[in-house]
Amino acid sequence: SGGLQKEAYWYRVPCVTMRPSTEW
């Protein structure tokens, strides 16, 4: 999720993105 990647940052929780690319 693109939105959840940003939310993770604001929560200060590390994120692992299961995609080859990200808009963030």
PDBML (XML) file of the C-alpha atoms, coordinates in Angstrom:
<?xml version="1.0" encoding="UTF-8" ?>
<PDBx:datablock datablockName="MODEL"
   xmlns:PDBx="http://pdbml.pdb.org/schema/pdbx-v50.xsd"
   xmlns:xsi="http://www.w3.org/2001/XMLSchema-instance"
   xsi:schemaLocation="http://pdbml.pdb.org/schema/pdbx-v50.xsd pdbx-v50.xsd">
   <PDBx:atom_siteCategory>
      <PDBx:atom_site id="1">
         <PDBx:B_iso_or_equiv>0.00</PDBx:B_iso_or_equiv>
         <PDBx:Cartn_x>0.000</PDBx:Cartn_x>
         <PDBx:Cartn_y>0.000</PDBx:Cartn_y>
         <PDBx:Cartn_z>0.000</PDBx:Cartn_z>
         <PDBx:auth_asym_id>A</PDBx:auth_asym_id>
         <PDBx:auth_atom_id>CA</PDBx:auth_atom_id>
         <PDBx:auth_comp_id>SER</PDBx:auth_comp_id>
         <PDBx:auth_seq_id>1</PDBx:auth_seq_id>
         <PDBx:group_PDB>ATOM</PDBx:group_PDB>
         <PDBx:label_alt_id xsi:nil="true" />
         <PDBx:label_asym_id>A</PDBx:label_asym_id>
         <PDBx:label_atom_id>CA</PDBx:label_atom_id>
         <PDBx:label_comp_id>SER</PDBx:label_comp_id>
         <PDBx:label_entity_id>1</PDBx:label_entity_id>
         <PDBx:label_seq_id>1</PDBx:label_seq_id>
         <PDBx:occupancy>1.00</PDBx:occupancy>
         <PDBx:pdbx_PDB_model_num>1</PDBx:pdbx_PDB_model_num>
         <PDBx:type_symbol>C</PDBx:type_symbol>
      </PDBx:atom_site>
      <PDBx:atom_site id="2">
         <PDBx:B_iso_or_equiv>0.00</PDBx:B_iso_or_equiv>
         <PDBx:Cartn_x>1.281</PDBx:Cartn_x>
         <PDBx:Cartn_y>3.420</PDBx:Cartn_y>
         <PDBx:Cartn_z>-0.942</PDBx:Cartn_z>
         <PDBx:auth_asym_id>A</PDBx:auth_asym_id>
         <PDBx:auth_atom_id>CA</PDBx:auth_atom_id>
         <PDBx:auth_comp_id>GLY</PDBx:auth_comp_id>
         <PDBx:auth_seq_id>2</PDBx:auth_seq_id>
         <PDBx:group_PDB>ATOM</PDBx:group_PDB>
         <PDBx:label_alt_id xsi:nil="true" />
         <PDBx:label_asym_id>A</PDBx:label_asym_id>
         <PDBx:label_atom_id>CA</PDBx:label_atom_id>
         <PDBx:label_comp_id>GLY</PDBx:label_comp_id>
         <PDBx:label_entity_id>1</PDBx:label_entity_id>
         <PDBx:label_seq_id>2</PDBx:label_seq_id>
         <PDBx:occupancy>1.00</PDBx:occupancy>
         <PDBx:pdbx_PDB_model_num>1</PDBx:pdbx_PDB_model_num>
         <PDBx:type_symbol>C</PDBx:type_symbol>
      </PDBx:atom_site>
      <PDBx:atom_site id="3">
         <PDBx:B_iso_or_equiv>0.00</PDBx:B_iso_or_equiv>
         <PDBx:Cartn_x>-0.670</PDBx:Cartn_x>
         <PDBx:Cartn_y>5.136</PDBx:Cartn_y>
         <PDBx:Cartn_z>1.818</PDBx:Cartn_z>
         <PDBx:auth_asym_id>A</PDBx:auth_asym_id>
         <PDBx:auth_atom_id>CA</PDBx:auth_atom_id>
         <PDBx:auth_comp_id>GLY</PDBx:auth_comp_id>
         <PDBx:auth_seq_id>3</PDBx:auth_seq_id>
         <PDBx:group_PDB>ATOM</PDBx:group_PDB>
         <PDBx:label_alt_id xsi:nil="true" />
         <PDBx:label_asym_id>A</PDBx:label_asym_id>
         <PDBx:label_atom_id>CA</PDBx:label_atom_id>
         <PDBx:label_comp_id>GLY</PDBx:label_comp_id>
         <PDBx:label_entity_id>1</PDBx:label_entity_id>
         <PDBx:label_seq_id>3</PDBx:label_seq_id>
         <PDBx:occupancy>1.00</PDBx:occupancy>
         <PDBx:pdbx_PDB_model_num>1</PDBx:pdbx_PDB_model_num>
         <PDBx:type_symbol>C</PDBx:type_symbol>
      </PDBx:atom_site>
      <PDBx:atom_site id="4">
         <PDBx:B_iso_or_equiv>0.00</PDBx:B_iso_or_equiv>
         <PDBx:Cartn_x>0.419</PDBx:Cartn_x>
         <PDBx:Cartn_y>2.697</PDBx:Cartn_y>
         <PDBx:Cartn_z>4.500</PDBx:Cartn_z>
         <PDBx:auth_asym_id>A</PDBx:auth_asym_id>
         <PDBx:auth_atom_id>CA</PDBx:auth_atom_id>
         <PDBx:auth_comp_id>LEU</PDBx:auth_comp_id>
         <PDBx:auth_seq_id>4</PDBx:auth_seq_id>
         <PDBx:group_PDB>ATOM</PDBx:group_PDB>
         <PDBx:label_alt_id xsi:nil="true" />
         <PDBx:label_asym_id>A</PDBx:label_asym_id>
         <PDBx:label_atom_id>CA</PDBx:label_atom_id>
         <PDBx:label_comp_id>LEU</PDBx:label_comp_id>
         <PDBx:label_entity_id>1</PDBx:label_entity_id>
         <PDBx:label_seq_id>4</PDBx:label_seq_id>
         <PDBx:occupancy>1.00</PDBx:occupancy>
         <PDBx:pdbx_PDB_model_num>1</PDBx:pdbx_PDB_model_num>
         <PDBx:type_symbol>C</PDBx:type_symbol>
      </PDBx:atom_site>
      <PDBx:atom_site id="5">
         <PDBx:B_iso_or_equiv>0.00</PDBx:B_iso_or_equiv>
         <PDBx:Cartn_x>4.079</PDBx:Cartn_x>
         <PDBx:Cartn_y>3.314</PDBx:Cartn_y>
         <PDBx:Cartn_z>3.621</PDBx:Cartn_z>
         <PDBx:auth_asym_id>A</PDBx:auth_asym_id>
         <PDBx:auth_atom_id>CA</PDBx:auth_atom_id>
         <PDBx:auth_comp_id>GLN</PDBx:auth_comp_id>
         <PDBx:auth_seq_id>5</PDBx:auth_seq_id>
         <PDBx:group_PDB>ATOM</PDBx:group_PDB>
         <PDBx:label_alt_id xsi:nil="true" />
         <PDBx:label_asym_id>A</PDBx:label_asym_id>
         <PDBx:label_atom_id>CA</PDBx:label_atom_id>
         <PDBx:label_comp_id>GLN</PDBx:label_comp_id>
         <PDBx:label_entity_id>1</PDBx:label_entity_id>
         <PDBx:label_seq_id>5</PDBx:label_seq_id>
         <PDBx:occupancy>1.00</PDBx:occupancy>
         <PDBx:pdbx_PDB_model_num>1</PDBx:pdbx_PDB_model_num>
         <PDBx:type_symbol>C</PDBx:type_symbol>
      </PDBx:atom_site>
      <PDBx:atom_site id="6">
         <PDBx:B_iso_or_equiv>0.00</PDBx:B_iso_or_equiv>
         <PDBx:Cartn_x>3.556</PDBx:Cartn_x>
         <PDBx:Cartn_y>6.963</PDBx:Cartn_y>
         <PDBx:Cartn_z>4.582</PDBx:Cartn_z>
         <PDBx:auth_asym_id>A</PDBx:auth_asym_id>
         <PDBx:auth_atom_id>CA</PDBx:auth_atom_id>
         <PDBx:auth_comp_id>LYS</PDBx:auth_comp_id>
         <PDBx:auth_seq_id>6</PDBx:auth_seq_id>
         <PDBx:group_PDB>ATOM</PDBx:group_PDB>
         <PDBx:label_alt_id xsi:nil="true" />
         <PDBx:label_asym_id>A</PDBx:label_asym_id>
         <PDBx:label_atom_id>CA</PDBx:label_atom_id>
         <PDBx:label_comp_id>LYS</PDBx:label_comp_id>
         <PDBx:label_entity_id>1</PDBx:label_entity_id>
         <PDBx:label_seq_id>6</PDBx:label_seq_id>
         <PDBx:occupancy>1.00</PDBx:occupancy>
         <PDBx:pdbx_PDB_model_num>1</PDBx:pdbx_PDB_model_num>
         <PDBx:type_symbol>C</PDBx:type_symbol>
      </PDBx:atom_site>
      <PDBx:atom_site id="7">
         <PDBx:B_iso_or_equiv>0.00</PDBx:B_iso_or_equiv>
         <PDBx:Cartn_x>1.560</PDBx:Cartn_x>
         <PDBx:Cartn_y>6.076</PDBx:Cartn_y>
         <PDBx:Cartn_z>7.691</PDBx:Cartn_z>
         <PDBx:auth_asym_id>A</PDBx:auth_asym_id>
         <PDBx:auth_atom_id>CA</PDBx:auth_atom_id>
         <PDBx:auth_comp_id>GLU</PDBx:auth_comp_id>
         <PDBx:auth_seq_id>7</PDBx:auth_seq_id>
         <PDBx:group_PDB>ATOM</PDBx:group_PDB>
         <PDBx:label_alt_id xsi:nil="true" />
         <PDBx:label_asym_id>A</PDBx:label_asym_id>
         <PDBx:label_atom_id>CA</PDBx:label_atom_id>
         <PDBx:label_comp_id>GLU</PDBx:label_comp_id>
         <PDBx:label_entity_id>1</PDBx:label_entity_id>
         <PDBx:label_seq_id>7</PDBx:label_seq_id>
         <PDBx:occupancy>1.00</PDBx:occupancy>
         <PDBx:pdbx_PDB_model_num>1</PDBx:pdbx_PDB_model_num>
         <PDBx:type_symbol>C</PDBx:type_symbol>
      </PDBx:atom_site>
      <PDBx:atom_site id="8">
         <PDBx:B_iso_or_equiv>0.00</PDBx:B_iso_or_equiv>
         <PDBx:Cartn_x>4.336</PDBx:Cartn_x>
         <PDBx:Cartn_y>3.731</PDBx:Cartn_y>
         <PDBx:Cartn_z>8.808</PDBx:Cartn_z>
         <PDBx:auth_asym_id>A</PDBx:auth_asym_id>
         <PDBx:auth_atom_id>CA</PDBx:auth_atom_id>
         <PDBx:auth_comp_id>ALA</PDBx:auth_comp_id>
         <PDBx:auth_seq_id>8</PDBx:auth_seq_id>
         <PDBx:group_PDB>ATOM</PDBx:group_PDB>
         <PDBx:label_alt_id xsi:nil="true" />
         <PDBx:label_asym_id>A</PDBx:label_asym_id>
         <PDBx:label_atom_id>CA</PDBx:label_atom_id>
         <PDBx:label_comp_id>ALA</PDBx:label_comp_id>
         <PDBx:label_entity_id>1</PDBx:label_entity_id>
         <PDBx:label_seq_id>8</PDBx:label_seq_id>
         <PDBx:occupancy>1.00</PDBx:occupancy>
         <PDBx:pdbx_PDB_model_num>1</PDBx:pdbx_PDB_model_num>
         <PDBx:type_symbol>C</PDBx:type_symbol>
      </PDBx:atom_site>
      <PDBx:atom_site id="9">
         <PDBx:B_iso_or_equiv>0.00</PDBx:B_iso_or_equiv>
         <PDBx:Cartn_x>6.783</PDBx:Cartn_x>
         <PDBx:Cartn_y>6.646</PDBx:Cartn_y>
         <PDBx:Cartn_z>8.591</PDBx:Cartn_z>
         <PDBx:auth_asym_id>A</PDBx:auth_asym_id>
         <PDBx:auth_atom_id>CA</PDBx:auth_atom_id>
         <PDBx:auth_comp_id>TYR</PDBx:auth_comp_id>
         <PDBx:auth_seq_id>9</PDBx:auth_seq_id>
         <PDBx:group_PDB>ATOM</PDBx:group_PDB>
         <PDBx:label_alt_id xsi:nil="true" />
         <PDBx:label_asym_id>A</PDBx:label_asym_id>
         <PDBx:label_atom_id>CA</PDBx:label_atom_id>
         <PDBx:label_comp_id>TYR</PDBx:label_comp_id>
         <PDBx:label_entity_id>1</PDBx:label_entity_id>
         <PDBx:label_seq_id>9</PDBx:label_seq_id>
         <PDBx:occupancy>1.00</PDBx:occupancy>
         <PDBx:pdbx_PDB_model_num>1</PDBx:pdbx_PDB_model_num>
         <PDBx:type_symbol>C</PDBx:type_symbol>
      </PDBx:atom_site>
      <PDBx:atom_site id="10">
         <PDBx:B_iso_or_equiv>0.00</PDBx:B_iso_or_equiv>
         <PDBx:Cartn_x>4.527</PDBx:Cartn_x>
         <PDBx:Cartn_y>8.855</PDBx:Cartn_y>
         <PDBx:Cartn_z>10.714</PDBx:Cartn_z>
         <PDBx:auth_asym_id>A</PDBx:auth_asym_id>
         <PDBx:auth_atom_id>CA</PDBx:auth_atom_id>
         <PDBx:auth_comp_id>TRP</PDBx:auth_comp_id>
         <PDBx:auth_seq_id>10</PDBx:auth_seq_id>
         <PDBx:group_PDB>ATOM</PDBx:group_PDB>
         <PDBx:label_alt_id xsi:nil="true" />
         <PDBx:label_asym_id>A</PDBx:label_asym_id>
         <PDBx:label_atom_id>CA</PDBx:label_atom_id>
         <PDBx:label_comp_id>TRP</PDBx:label_comp_id>
         <PDBx:label_entity_id>1</PDBx:label_entity_id>
         <PDBx:label_seq_id>10</PDBx:label_seq_id>
         <PDBx:occupancy>1.00</PDBx:occupancy>
         <PDBx:pdbx_PDB_model_num>1</PDBx:pdbx_PDB_model_num>
         <PDBx:type_symbol>C</PDBx:type_symbol>
      </PDBx:atom_site>
      <PDBx:atom_site id="11">
         <PDBx:B_iso_or_equiv>0.00</PDBx:B_iso_or_equiv>
         <PDBx:Cartn_x>4.008</PDBx:Cartn_x>
         <PDBx:Cartn_y>6.004</PDBx:Cartn_y>
         <PDBx:Cartn_z>13.211</PDBx:Cartn_z>
         <PDBx:auth_asym_id>A</PDBx:auth_asym_id>
         <PDBx:auth_atom_id>CA</PDBx:auth_atom_id>
         <PDBx:auth_comp_id>TYR</PDBx:auth_comp_id>
         <PDBx:auth_seq_id>11</PDBx:auth_seq_id>
         <PDBx:group_PDB>ATOM</PDBx:group_PDB>
         <PDBx:label_alt_id xsi:nil="true" />
         <PDBx:label_asym_id>A</PDBx:label_asym_id>
         <PDBx:label_atom_id>CA</PDBx:label_atom_id>
         <PDBx:label_comp_id>TYR</PDBx:label_comp_id>
         <PDBx:label_entity_id>1</PDBx:label_entity_id>
         <PDBx:label_seq_id>11</PDBx:label_seq_id>
         <PDBx:occupancy>1.00</PDBx:occupancy>
         <PDBx:pdbx_PDB_model_num>1</PDBx:pdbx_PDB_model_num>
         <PDBx:type_symbol>C</PDBx:type_symbol>
      </PDBx:atom_site>
      <PDBx:atom_site id="12">
         <PDBx:B_iso_or_equiv>0.00</PDBx:B_iso_or_equiv>
         <PDBx:Cartn_x>7.809</PDBx:Cartn_x>
         <PDBx:Cartn_y>5.548</PDBx:Cartn_y>
         <PDBx:Cartn_z>13.298</PDBx:Cartn_z>
         <PDBx:auth_asym_id>A</PDBx:auth_asym_id>
         <PDBx:auth_atom_id>CA</PDBx:auth_atom_id>
         <PDBx:auth_comp_id>ARG</PDBx:auth_comp_id>
         <PDBx:auth_seq_id>12</PDBx:auth_seq_id>
         <PDBx:group_PDB>ATOM</PDBx:group_PDB>
         <PDBx:label_alt_id xsi:nil="true" />
         <PDBx:label_asym_id>A</PDBx:label_asym_id>
         <PDBx:label_atom_id>CA</PDBx:label_atom_id>
         <PDBx:label_comp_id>ARG</PDBx:label_comp_id>
         <PDBx:label_entity_id>1</PDBx:label_entity_id>
         <PDBx:label_seq_id>12</PDBx:label_seq_id>
         <PDBx:occupancy>1.00</PDBx:occupancy>
         <PDBx:pdbx_PDB_model_num>1</PDBx:pdbx_PDB_model_num>
         <PDBx:type_symbol>C</PDBx:type_symbol>
      </PDBx:atom_site>
      <PDBx:atom_site id="13">
         <PDBx:B_iso_or_equiv>0.00</PDBx:B_iso_or_equiv>
         <PDBx:Cartn_x>7.369</PDBx:Cartn_x>
         <PDBx:Cartn_y>1.879</PDBx:Cartn_y>
         <PDBx:Cartn_z>12.420</PDBx:Cartn_z>
         <PDBx:auth_asym_id>A</PDBx:auth_asym_id>
         <PDBx:auth_atom_id>CA</PDBx:auth_atom_id>
         <PDBx:auth_comp_id>VAL</PDBx:auth_comp_id>
         <PDBx:auth_seq_id>13</PDBx:auth_seq_id>
         <PDBx:group_PDB>ATOM</PDBx:group_PDB>
         <PDBx:label_alt_id xsi:nil="true" />
         <PDBx:label_asym_id>A</PDBx:label_asym_id>
         <PDBx:label_atom_id>CA</PDBx:label_atom_id>
         <PDBx:label_comp_id>VAL</PDBx:label_comp_id>
         <PDBx:label_entity_id>1</PDBx:label_entity_id>
         <PDBx:label_seq_id>13</PDBx:label_seq_id>
         <PDBx:occupancy>1.00</PDBx:occupancy>
         <PDBx:pdbx_PDB_model_num>1</PDBx:pdbx_PDB_model_num>
         <PDBx:type_symbol>C</PDBx:type_symbol>
      </PDBx:atom_site>
      <PDBx:atom_site id="14">
         <PDBx:B_iso_or_equiv>0.00</PDBx:B_iso_or_equiv>
         <PDBx:Cartn_x>9.796</PDBx:Cartn_x>
         <PDBx:Cartn_y>0.462</PDBx:Cartn_y>
         <PDBx:Cartn_z>9.827</PDBx:Cartn_z>
         <PDBx:auth_asym_id>A</PDBx:auth_asym_id>
         <PDBx:auth_atom_id>CA</PDBx:auth_atom_id>
         <PDBx:auth_comp_id>PRO</PDBx:auth_comp_id>
         <PDBx:auth_seq_id>14</PDBx:auth_seq_id>
         <PDBx:group_PDB>ATOM</PDBx:group_PDB>
         <PDBx:label_alt_id xsi:nil="true" />
         <PDBx:label_asym_id>A</PDBx:label_asym_id>
         <PDBx:label_atom_id>CA</PDBx:label_atom_id>
         <PDBx:label_comp_id>PRO</PDBx:label_comp_id>
         <PDBx:label_entity_id>1</PDBx:label_entity_id>
         <PDBx:label_seq_id>14</PDBx:label_seq_id>
         <PDBx:occupancy>1.00</PDBx:occupancy>
         <PDBx:pdbx_PDB_model_num>1</PDBx:pdbx_PDB_model_num>
         <PDBx:type_symbol>C</PDBx:type_symbol>
      </PDBx:atom_site>
      <PDBx:atom_site id="15">
         <PDBx:B_iso_or_equiv>0.00</PDBx:B_iso_or_equiv>
         <PDBx:Cartn_x>8.186</PDBx:Cartn_x>
         <PDBx:Cartn_y>-0.538</PDBx:Cartn_y>
         <PDBx:Cartn_z>6.553</PDBx:Cartn_z>
         <PDBx:auth_asym_id>A</PDBx:auth_asym_id>
         <PDBx:auth_atom_id>CA</PDBx:auth_atom_id>
         <PDBx:auth_comp_id>CYS</PDBx:auth_comp_id>
         <PDBx:auth_seq_id>15</PDBx:auth_seq_id>
         <PDBx:group_PDB>ATOM</PDBx:group_PDB>
         <PDBx:label_alt_id xsi:nil="true" />
         <PDBx:label_asym_id>A</PDBx:label_asym_id>
         <PDBx:label_atom_id>CA</PDBx:label_atom_id>
         <PDBx:label_comp_id>CYS</PDBx:label_comp_id>
         <PDBx:label_entity_id>1</PDBx:label_entity_id>
         <PDBx:label_seq_id>15</PDBx:label_seq_id>
         <PDBx:occupancy>1.00</PDBx:occupancy>
         <PDBx:pdbx_PDB_model_num>1</PDBx:pdbx_PDB_model_num>
         <PDBx:type_symbol>C</PDBx:type_symbol>
      </PDBx:atom_site>
      <PDBx:atom_site id="16">
         <PDBx:B_iso_or_equiv>0.00</PDBx:B_iso_or_equiv>
         <PDBx:Cartn_x>8.907</PDBx:Cartn_x>
         <PDBx:Cartn_y>-3.378</PDBx:Cartn_y>
         <PDBx:Cartn_z>4.125</PDBx:Cartn_z>
         <PDBx:auth_asym_id>A</PDBx:auth_asym_id>
         <PDBx:auth_atom_id>CA</PDBx:auth_atom_id>
         <PDBx:auth_comp_id>VAL</PDBx:auth_comp_id>
         <PDBx:auth_seq_id>16</PDBx:auth_seq_id>
         <PDBx:group_PDB>ATOM</PDBx:group_PDB>
         <PDBx:label_alt_id xsi:nil="true" />
         <PDBx:label_asym_id>A</PDBx:label_asym_id>
         <PDBx:label_atom_id>CA</PDBx:label_atom_id>
         <PDBx:label_comp_id>VAL</PDBx:label_comp_id>
         <PDBx:label_entity_id>1</PDBx:label_entity_id>
         <PDBx:label_seq_id>16</PDBx:label_seq_id>
         <PDBx:occupancy>1.00</PDBx:occupancy>
         <PDBx:pdbx_PDB_model_num>1</PDBx:pdbx_PDB_model_num>
         <PDBx:type_symbol>C</PDBx:type_symbol>
      </PDBx:atom_site>
      <PDBx:atom_site id="17">
         <PDBx:B_iso_or_equiv>0.00</PDBx:B_iso_or_equiv>
         <PDBx:Cartn_x>7.311</PDBx:Cartn_x>
         <PDBx:Cartn_y>-2.712</PDBx:Cartn_y>
         <PDBx:Cartn_z>0.751</PDBx:Cartn_z>
         <PDBx:auth_asym_id>A</PDBx:auth_asym_id>
         <PDBx:auth_atom_id>CA</PDBx:auth_atom_id>
         <PDBx:auth_comp_id>THR</PDBx:auth_comp_id>
         <PDBx:auth_seq_id>17</PDBx:auth_seq_id>
         <PDBx:group_PDB>ATOM</PDBx:group_PDB>
         <PDBx:label_alt_id xsi:nil="true" />
         <PDBx:label_asym_id>A</PDBx:label_asym_id>
         <PDBx:label_atom_id>CA</PDBx:label_atom_id>
         <PDBx:label_comp_id>THR</PDBx:label_comp_id>
         <PDBx:label_entity_id>1</PDBx:label_entity_id>
         <PDBx:label_seq_id>17</PDBx:label_seq_id>
         <PDBx:occupancy>1.00</PDBx:occupancy>
         <PDBx:pdbx_PDB_model_num>1</PDBx:pdbx_PDB_model_num>
         <PDBx:type_symbol>C</PDBx:type_symbol>
      </PDBx:atom_site>
      <PDBx:atom_site id="18">
         <PDBx:B_iso_or_equiv>0.00</PDBx:B_iso_or_equiv>
         <PDBx:Cartn_x>6.414</PDBx:Cartn_x>
         <PDBx:Cartn_y>-5.753</PDBx:Cartn_y>
         <PDBx:Cartn_z>-1.301</PDBx:Cartn_z>
         <PDBx:auth_asym_id>A</PDBx:auth_asym_id>
         <PDBx:auth_atom_id>CA</PDBx:auth_atom_id>
         <PDBx:auth_comp_id>MET</PDBx:auth_comp_id>
         <PDBx:auth_seq_id>18</PDBx:auth_seq_id>
         <PDBx:group_PDB>ATOM</PDBx:group_PDB>
         <PDBx:label_alt_id xsi:nil="true" />
         <PDBx:label_asym_id>A</PDBx:label_asym_id>
         <PDBx:label_atom_id>CA</PDBx:label_atom_id>
         <PDBx:label_comp_id>MET</PDBx:label_comp_id>
         <PDBx:label_entity_id>1</PDBx:label_entity_id>
         <PDBx:label_seq_id>18</PDBx:label_seq_id>
         <PDBx:occupancy>1.00</PDBx:occupancy>
         <PDBx:pdbx_PDB_model_num>1</PDBx:pdbx_PDB_model_num>
         <PDBx:type_symbol>C</PDBx:type_symbol>
      </PDBx:atom_site>
      <PDBx:atom_site id="19">
         <PDBx:B_iso_or_equiv>0.00</PDBx:B_iso_or_equiv>
         <PDBx:Cartn_x>6.585</PDBx:Cartn_x>
         <PDBx:Cartn_y>-4.000</PDBx:Cartn_y>
         <PDBx:Cartn_z>-4.665</PDBx:Cartn_z>
         <PDBx:auth_asym_id>A</PDBx:auth_asym_id>
         <PDBx:auth_atom_id>CA</PDBx:auth_atom_id>
         <PDBx:auth_comp_id>ARG</PDBx:auth_comp_id>
         <PDBx:auth_seq_id>19</PDBx:auth_seq_id>
         <PDBx:group_PDB>ATOM</PDBx:group_PDB>
         <PDBx:label_alt_id xsi:nil="true" />
         <PDBx:label_asym_id>A</PDBx:label_asym_id>
         <PDBx:label_atom_id>CA</PDBx:label_atom_id>
         <PDBx:label_comp_id>ARG</PDBx:label_comp_id>
         <PDBx:label_entity_id>1</PDBx:label_entity_id>
         <PDBx:label_seq_id>19</PDBx:label_seq_id>
         <PDBx:occupancy>1.00</PDBx:occupancy>
         <PDBx:pdbx_PDB_model_num>1</PDBx:pdbx_PDB_model_num>
         <PDBx:type_symbol>C</PDBx:type_symbol>
      </PDBx:atom_site>
      <PDBx:atom_site id="20">
         <PDBx:B_iso_or_equiv>0.00</PDBx:B_iso_or_equiv>
         <PDBx:Cartn_x>9.406</PDBx:Cartn_x>
         <PDBx:Cartn_y>-3.348</PDBx:Cartn_y>
         <PDBx:Cartn_z>-7.121</PDBx:Cartn_z>
         <PDBx:auth_asym_id>A</PDBx:auth_asym_id>
         <PDBx:auth_atom_id>CA</PDBx:auth_atom_id>
         <PDBx:auth_comp_id>PRO</PDBx:auth_comp_id>
         <PDBx:auth_seq_id>20</PDBx:auth_seq_id>
         <PDBx:group_PDB>ATOM</PDBx:group_PDB>
         <PDBx:label_alt_id xsi:nil="true" />
         <PDBx:label_asym_id>A</PDBx:label_asym_id>
         <PDBx:label_atom_id>CA</PDBx:label_atom_id>
         <PDBx:label_comp_id>PRO</PDBx:label_comp_id>
         <PDBx:label_entity_id>1</PDBx:label_entity_id>
         <PDBx:label_seq_id>20</PDBx:label_seq_id>
         <PDBx:occupancy>1.00</PDBx:occupancy>
         <PDBx:pdbx_PDB_model_num>1</PDBx:pdbx_PDB_model_num>
         <PDBx:type_symbol>C</PDBx:type_symbol>
      </PDBx:atom_site>
      <PDBx:atom_site id="21">
         <PDBx:B_iso_or_equiv>0.00</PDBx:B_iso_or_equiv>
         <PDBx:Cartn_x>9.026</PDBx:Cartn_x>
         <PDBx:Cartn_y>0.442</PDBx:Cartn_y>
         <PDBx:Cartn_z>-6.767</PDBx:Cartn_z>
         <PDBx:auth_asym_id>A</PDBx:auth_asym_id>
         <PDBx:auth_atom_id>CA</PDBx:auth_atom_id>
         <PDBx:auth_comp_id>SER</PDBx:auth_comp_id>
         <PDBx:auth_seq_id>21</PDBx:auth_seq_id>
         <PDBx:group_PDB>ATOM</PDBx:group_PDB>
         <PDBx:label_alt_id xsi:nil="true" />
         <PDBx:label_asym_id>A</PDBx:label_asym_id>
         <PDBx:label_atom_id>CA</PDBx:label_atom_id>
         <PDBx:label_comp_id>SER</PDBx:label_comp_id>
         <PDBx:label_entity_id>1</PDBx:label_entity_id>
         <PDBx:label_seq_id>21</PDBx:label_seq_id>
         <PDBx:occupancy>1.00</PDBx:occupancy>
         <PDBx:pdbx_PDB_model_num>1</PDBx:pdbx_PDB_model_num>
         <PDBx:type_symbol>C</PDBx:type_symbol>
      </PDBx:atom_site>
      <PDBx:atom_site id="22">
         <PDBx:B_iso_or_equiv>0.00</PDBx:B_iso_or_equiv>
         <PDBx:Cartn_x>7.349</PDBx:Cartn_x>
         <PDBx:Cartn_y>3.115</PDBx:Cartn_y>
         <PDBx:Cartn_z>-4.673</PDBx:Cartn_z>
         <PDBx:auth_asym_id>A</PDBx:auth_asym_id>
         <PDBx:auth_atom_id>CA</PDBx:auth_atom_id>
         <PDBx:auth_comp_id>THR</PDBx:auth_comp_id>
         <PDBx:auth_seq_id>22</PDBx:auth_seq_id>
         <PDBx:group_PDB>ATOM</PDBx:group_PDB>
         <PDBx:label_alt_id xsi:nil="true" />
         <PDBx:label_asym_id>A</PDBx:label_asym_id>
         <PDBx:label_atom_id>CA</PDBx:label_atom_id>
         <PDBx:label_comp_id>THR</PDBx:label_comp_id>
         <PDBx:label_entity_id>1</PDBx:label_entity_id>
         <PDBx:label_seq_id>22</PDBx:label_seq_id>
         <PDBx:occupancy>1.00</PDBx:occupancy>
         <PDBx:pdbx_PDB_model_num>1</PDBx:pdbx_PDB_model_num>
         <PDBx:type_symbol>C</PDBx:type_symbol>
      </PDBx:atom_site>
      <PDBx:atom_site id="23">
         <PDBx:B_iso_or_equiv>0.00</PDBx:B_iso_or_equiv>
         <PDBx:Cartn_x>6.009</PDBx:Cartn_x>
         <PDBx:Cartn_y>6.602</PDBx:Cartn_y>
         <PDBx:Cartn_z>-5.176</PDBx:Cartn_z>
         <PDBx:auth_asym_id>A</PDBx:auth_asym_id>
         <PDBx:auth_atom_id>CA</PDBx:auth_atom_id>
         <PDBx:auth_comp_id>GLU</PDBx:auth_comp_id>
         <PDBx:auth_seq_id>23</PDBx:auth_seq_id>
         <PDBx:group_PDB>ATOM</PDBx:group_PDB>
         <PDBx:label_alt_id xsi:nil="true" />
         <PDBx:label_asym_id>A</PDBx:label_asym_id>
         <PDBx:label_atom_id>CA</PDBx:label_atom_id>
         <PDBx:label_comp_id>GLU</PDBx:label_comp_id>
         <PDBx:label_entity_id>1</PDBx:label_entity_id>
         <PDBx:label_seq_id>23</PDBx:label_seq_id>
         <PDBx:occupancy>1.00</PDBx:occupancy>
         <PDBx:pdbx_PDB_model_num>1</PDBx:pdbx_PDB_model_num>
         <PDBx:type_symbol>C</PDBx:type_symbol>
      </PDBx:atom_site>
      <PDBx:atom_site id="24">
         <PDBx:B_iso_or_equiv>0.00</PDBx:B_iso_or_equiv>
         <PDBx:Cartn_x>7.326</PDBx:Cartn_x>
         <PDBx:Cartn_y>7.443</PDBx:Cartn_y>
         <PDBx:Cartn_z>-1.680</PDBx:Cartn_z>
         <PDBx:auth_asym_id>A</PDBx:auth_asym_id>
         <PDBx:auth_atom_id>CA</PDBx:auth_atom_id>
         <PDBx:auth_comp_id>TRP</PDBx:auth_comp_id>
         <PDBx:auth_seq_id>24</PDBx:auth_seq_id>
         <PDBx:group_PDB>ATOM</PDBx:group_PDB>
         <PDBx:label_alt_id xsi:nil="true" />
         <PDBx:label_asym_id>A</PDBx:label_asym_id>
         <PDBx:label_atom_id>CA</PDBx:label_atom_id>
         <PDBx:label_comp_id>TRP</PDBx:label_comp_id>
         <PDBx:label_entity_id>1</PDBx:label_entity_id>
         <PDBx:label_seq_id>24</PDBx:label_seq_id>
         <PDBx:occupancy>1.00</PDBx:occupancy>
         <PDBx:pdbx_PDB_model_num>1</PDBx:pdbx_PDB_model_num>
         <PDBx:type_symbol>C</PDBx:type_symbol>
      </PDBx:atom_site>
   </PDBx:atom_siteCategory>
</PDBx:datablock>
